[in-house]
Each structure stands twice: as C-alpha cells, then as structure tokens.
C-alpha atoms as a PDB file:
ATOM      1  CA  MET A   1     132.680  19.249 154.736  1.00  0.00           C
ATOM      2  CA  SER A   2     132.629  22.964 156.187  1.00  0.00           C
ATOM      3  CA  LEU A   3     135.592  24.971 156.026  1.00  0.00           C
ATOM      4  CA  GLY A   4     134.378  27.511 158.292  1.00  0.00           C
ATOM      5  CA  TYR A   5     133.986  30.426 155.762  1.00  0.00           C
ATOM      6  CA  PRO A   6     131.236  32.999 156.679  1.00  0.00           C
ATOM      7  CA  SER A   7     128.401  32.994 154.367  1.00  0.00           C
ATOM      8  CA  ILE A   8     128.415  35.845 151.756  1.00  0.00           C
ATOM      9  CA  ARG A   9     124.695  35.590 150.993  1.00  0.00           C
ATOM     10  CA  PRO A  10     122.583  38.431 152.430  1.00  0.00           C
ATOM     11  CA  ARG A  11     120.563  37.263 155.365  1.00  0.00           C
ATOM     12  CA  SER A  12     116.823  37.687 154.750  1.00  0.00           C
ATOM     13  CA  ASN A  13     115.968  37.611 158.592  1.00  0.00           C
ATOM     14  CA  ASP A  14     117.916  40.891 159.131  1.00  0.00           C
ATOM     15  CA  GLN A  15     115.223  42.730 157.005  1.00  0.00           C
ATOM     16  CA  LYS A  16     113.189  44.835 159.449  1.00  0.00           C
ATOM     17  CA  ILE A  17     110.286  46.939 158.581  1.00  0.00           C
ATOM     18  CA  ALA A  18     110.699  50.491 159.183  1.00  0.00           C
ATOM     19  CA  GLU A  19     109.375  51.672 162.703  1.00  0.00           C
ATOM     20  CA  PRO A  20     106.785  54.384 162.711  1.00  0.00           C
ATOM     21  CA  THR A  21     108.019  57.552 164.434  1.00  0.00           C
ATOM     22  CA  GLY A  22     105.778  57.267 167.550  1.00  0.00           C
ATOM     23  CA  ILE A  23     103.766  60.298 166.523  1.00  0.00           C
ATOM     24  CA  SER A  24     100.363  60.045 168.137  1.00  0.00           C
ATOM     25  CA  LYS A  25      97.393  59.545 165.850  1.00  0.00           C
ATOM     26  CA  ASN A  26      93.830  60.752 166.362  1.00  0.00           C
ATOM     27  CA  GLU A  27      90.544  58.516 166.140  1.00  0.00           C
ATOM     28  CA  TYR A  28      90.737  58.598 162.423  1.00  0.00           C
ATOM     29  CA  GLU A  29      94.266  57.220 162.394  1.00  0.00           C
ATOM     30  CA  LEU A  30      95.619  60.198 160.918  1.00  0.00           C
ATOM     31  CA  PRO A  31      98.756  61.952 162.489  1.00  0.00           C
ATOM     32  CA  ASP A  32      98.156  64.609 164.833  1.00  0.00           C
ATOM     33  CA  ARG A  33      99.826  67.707 163.327  1.00  0.00           C
ATOM     34  CA  MET A  34     100.312  69.213 166.642  1.00  0.00           C
ATOM     35  CA  PHE A  35     103.378  66.914 167.318  1.00  0.00           C
ATOM     36  CA  GLY A  36     104.994  67.649 163.876  1.00  0.00           C
ATOM     37  CA  SER A  37     104.912  66.092 160.414  1.00  0.00           C
ATOM     38  CA  ALA A  38     104.912  62.519 159.979  1.00  0.00           C
ATOM     39  CA  SER A  39     107.602  60.795 157.976  1.00  0.00           C
ATOM     40  CA  VAL A  40     106.086  58.979 155.014  1.00  0.00           C
ATOM     41  CA  LYS A  41     109.155  56.876 154.585  1.00  0.00           C
ATOM     42  CA  SER A  42     108.972  55.620 158.035  1.00  0.00           C
ATOM     43  CA  GLY A  43     106.034  53.257 157.592  1.00  0.00           C
ATOM     44  CA  LEU A  44     106.223  52.500 153.691  1.00  0.00           C
ATOM     45  CA  MET A  45     108.594  49.619 152.966  1.00  0.00           C
ATOM     46  CA  GLN A  46     111.257  47.328 153.852  1.00  0.00           C
ATOM     47  CA  ARG A  47     114.738  47.639 153.236  1.00  0.00           C
ATOM     48  CA  HIS A  48     116.578  46.035 150.173  1.00  0.00           C
ATOM     49  CA  PRO A  49     118.232  42.653 150.814  1.00  0.00           C
ATOM     50  CA  LEU A  50     121.552  44.112 149.531  1.00  0.00           C
ATOM     51  CA  GLU A  51     121.656  47.282 151.675  1.00  0.00           C
ATOM     52  CA  GLU A  52     122.908  45.430 154.678  1.00  0.00           C
ATOM     53  CA  SER A  53     125.326  43.487 152.518  1.00  0.00           C
ATOM     54  CA  GLU A  54     126.973  46.688 151.138  1.00  0.00           C
ATOM     55  CA  LYS A  55     127.103  48.249 154.528  1.00  0.00           C
ATOM     56  CA  LEU A  56     129.062  45.269 155.755  1.00  0.00           C
ATOM     57  CA  TRP A  57     131.024  44.494 152.624  1.00  0.00           C
ATOM     58  CA  ASP A  58     134.613  45.436 154.400  1.00  0.00           C
ATOM     59  CA  LYS A  59     133.881  43.497 157.250  1.00  0.00           C
ATOM     60  CA  ASN A  60     132.691  40.344 155.196  1.00  0.00           C
ATOM     61  CA  GLN A  61     135.864  40.457 153.160  1.00  0.00           C
ATOM     62  CA  PHE A  62     138.047  40.817 156.116  1.00  0.00           C
ATOM     63  CA  ASP A  63     136.124  37.732 157.971  1.00  0.00           C
ATOM     64  CA  LEU A  64     136.379  35.667 154.677  1.00  0.00           C
ATOM     65  CA  ASN A  65     140.166  36.348 154.165  1.00  0.00           C
ATOM     66  CA  MET A  66     140.767  35.652 157.720  1.00  0.00           C
ATOM     67  CA  ALA A  67     138.804  32.205 157.507  1.00  0.00           C
ATOM     68  CA  MET A  68     140.894  31.409 154.507  1.00  0.00           C
ATOM     69  CA  LEU A  69     144.142  32.162 156.055  1.00  0.00           C
ATOM     70  CA  ARG A  70     143.314  30.302 159.198  1.00  0.00           C
ATOM     71  CA  ASN A  71     142.520  27.150 157.019  1.00  0.00           C
ATOM     72  CA  THR A  72     145.607  27.407 154.897  1.00  0.00           C
ATOM     73  CA  GLN A  73     148.303  28.938 157.391  1.00  0.00           C
ATOM     74  CA  GLY A  74     146.991  28.050 160.731  1.00  0.00           C
ATOM     75  CA  ILE A  75     145.898  30.488 163.507  1.00  0.00           C
ATOM     76  CA  SER A  76     149.027  32.563 163.735  1.00  0.00           C
ATOM     77  CA  ALA A  77     148.672  34.332 160.340  1.00  0.00           C
ATOM     78  CA  PRO A  78     145.175  35.722 161.142  1.00  0.00           C
ATOM     79  CA  LEU A  79     146.104  36.570 164.760  1.00  0.00           C
ATOM     80  CA  LYS A  80     149.041  38.688 163.403  1.00  0.00           C
ATOM     81  CA  LEU A  81     147.166  40.463 160.857  1.00  0.00           C
ATOM     82  CA  THR A  82     144.510  41.369 163.514  1.00  0.00           C
ATOM     83  CA  MET A  83     147.011  42.479 165.883  1.00  0.00           C
ATOM     84  CA  GLU A  84     148.853  44.656 163.563  1.00  0.00           C
ATOM     85  CA  ARG A  85     145.430  46.138 162.497  1.00  0.00           C
ATOM     86  CA  LYS A  86     144.723  46.839 166.244  1.00  0.00           C
ATOM     87  CA  PHE A  87     148.078  48.529 166.736  1.00  0.00           C
ATOM     88  CA  ALA A  88     147.768  50.614 163.664  1.00  0.00           C
ATOM     89  CA  SER A  89     144.346  51.928 164.581  1.00  0.00           C
ATOM     90  CA  LYS A  90     145.651  53.099 167.956  1.00  0.00           C
ATOM     91  CA  VAL A  91     148.812  55.076 166.929  1.00  0.00           C
ATOM     92  CA  GLY A  92     149.223  57.940 169.262  1.00  0.00           C
ATOM     93  CA  ARG A  93     149.543  61.549 168.070  1.00  0.00           C
ATOM     94  CA  LEU A  94     149.847  64.846 169.673  1.00  0.00           C
ATOM     95  CA  PRO A  95     146.045  66.211 169.970  1.00  0.00           C
ATOM     96  CA  CYS A  96     147.018  69.071 167.811  1.00  0.00           C
ATOM     97  CA  MET A  97     148.141  66.756 164.723  1.00  0.00           C
ATOM     98  CA  ARG A  98     145.726  64.993 162.797  1.00  0.00           C
ATOM     99  CA  SER A  99     146.531  61.086 161.991  1.00  0.00           C
ATOM    100  CA  SER A 100     146.891  60.209 158.304  1.00  0.00           C
ATOM    101  CA  ASN A 101     146.079  56.537 158.896  1.00  0.00           C
ATOM    102  CA  VAL A 102     148.771  55.552 156.435  1.00  0.00           C
ATOM    103  CA  MET A 103     149.605  52.104 158.206  1.00  0.00           C
ATOM    104  CA  MET A 104     145.891  51.351 158.815  1.00  0.00           C
ATOM    105  CA  GLN A 105     145.225  52.094 154.761  1.00  0.00           C
ATOM    106  CA  THR A 106     148.281  50.131 154.021  1.00  0.00           C
ATOM    107  CA  LEU A 107     146.939  47.048 155.865  1.00  0.00           C
ATOM    108  CA  ASN A 108     143.554  47.394 154.456  1.00  0.00           C
ATOM    109  CA  GLY A 109     144.697  47.840 150.982  1.00  0.00           C
ATOM    110  CA  SER A 110     142.690  51.128 150.612  1.00  0.00           C
ATOM    111  CA  ASP A 111     145.899  52.990 149.941  1.00  0.00           C
ATOM    112  CA  GLU A 112     145.899  51.972 146.276  1.00  0.00           C
ATOM    113  CA  THR A 113     142.359  52.993 145.623  1.00  0.00           C
ATOM    114  CA  ILE A 114     140.602  56.394 145.324  1.00  0.00           C
ATOM    115  CA  ASP A 115     137.295  56.616 147.090  1.00  0.00           C
ATOM    116  CA  PHE A 116     134.848  59.316 148.052  1.00  0.00           C
ATOM    117  CA  ASP A 117     136.352  59.655 151.387  1.00  0.00           C
ATOM    118  CA  ASP A 118     139.672  60.621 149.710  1.00  0.00           C
ATOM    119  CA  ILE A 119     138.051  63.767 147.646  1.00  0.00           C
ATOM    120  CA  LEU A 120     135.003  64.558 149.665  1.00  0.00           C
ATOM    121  CA  ASN A 121     135.964  63.957 153.297  1.00  0.00           C
ATOM    122  CA  THR A 122     138.749  66.400 153.683  1.00  0.00           C
ATOM    123  CA  GLU A 123     138.946  68.145 157.029  1.00  0.00           C
ATOM    124  CA  PRO A 124     139.968  71.767 157.358  1.00  0.00           C
ATOM    125  CA  GLU A 125     143.310  72.001 159.029  1.00  0.00           C
ATOM    126  CA  SER A 126     143.387  73.635 162.427  1.00  0.00           C
ATOM    127  CA  ALA A 127     146.269  73.984 164.518  1.00  0.00           C
ATOM    128  CA  GLY A 128     145.958  74.696 168.260  1.00  0.00           C
ATOM    129  CA  ASN A 129     147.933  75.281 171.090  1.00  0.00           C
ATOM    130  CA  PRO A 130     149.725  71.721 171.704  1.00  0.00           C
ATOM    131  CA  HIS A 131     150.345  72.440 175.511  1.00  0.00           C
ATOM    132  CA  ILE A 132     146.629  73.447 176.041  1.00  0.00           C
ATOM    133  CA  LEU A 133     145.399  70.423 174.071  1.00  0.00           C
ATOM    134  CA  VAL A 134     147.628  67.795 175.841  1.00  0.00           C
ATOM    135  CA  GLU A 135     146.785  69.122 179.128  1.00  0.00           C
ATOM    136  CA  LYS A 136     143.091  68.942 178.215  1.00  0.00           C
ATOM    137  CA  ARG A 137     143.538  65.285 177.223  1.00  0.00           C
ATOM    138  CA  LEU A 138     145.252  64.518 180.380  1.00  0.00           C
ATOM    139  CA  GLY A 139     142.688  66.017 182.359  1.00  0.00           C
ATOM    140  CA  LEU A 140     144.890  68.810 183.926  1.00  0.00           C
ATOM    141  CA  LEU A 141     142.663  71.649 182.881  1.00  0.00           C
END
C-alpha cells in the first residue's frame, strides 16, 4: 500500500562524474597550457551522495508535508498552502523598497530560526529616486 509519499533516500542515479573543462590536450594527453590551467577537481571524483539531498532538503520536506496533508485532509489543504506561498512570493513593492519577505518566512517556518543568510546575507540599504525607478520598471524610460 503506497500513500504517495516522496522518497527521502538519496538517489544514486543522480550522481554524475564531473565533466572535464574542455581544455584541449596535446599528443601526450597533457592539457595545453596555451588555453589556461586545467582544474584538477574537474576530472577527479564523483559527488557525495548526500550533497544532492542537502541541496534539496527544503523542497523534499515541503513535498513530504504536502503528501501527508493530502492523505489526511484531502487535496484542499495542500492547494491552499501552495496558493498562499505563491501569493506571498509575489508581493509587490515599489522598486526603491526592498521586500522583507516576512509573510513567506512565516509560511515556511523560517521566521523562528537564525540561519547564515540572516547574518551574512545582509544587503546594503540604497535609496533611489522612486519616480525614476517606477518609470524604468514600467518601460517608460
């Protein structure tokens, strides 16, 4: 009996060997230095199986939660949450104002955690002329 939950195991078929950089080689199979230095990492090893899983952690958790909601409460609960997330990601602001994404963080549950992005990803505040920025966005300039 399958409940339609997505797999949480890392997929082994997604592992790819890193592609060479495309630097031409001479007759001794050495990279030609006239085209730049070759990256050693490009031809050495495969990626770790958990690397892809870590990159897709948030998406996998969201898919798993939506599958559980669909099985317990029906299709309306996941549709409502997906619709709310879509609307929260498209909140309109004036071009001179930066969005704080409070609504999206609340829906994701990331408003209660402190992450690297909260400390190290701070953008400098810059104020521009709002009239010129709006005209540029509308294509009047």
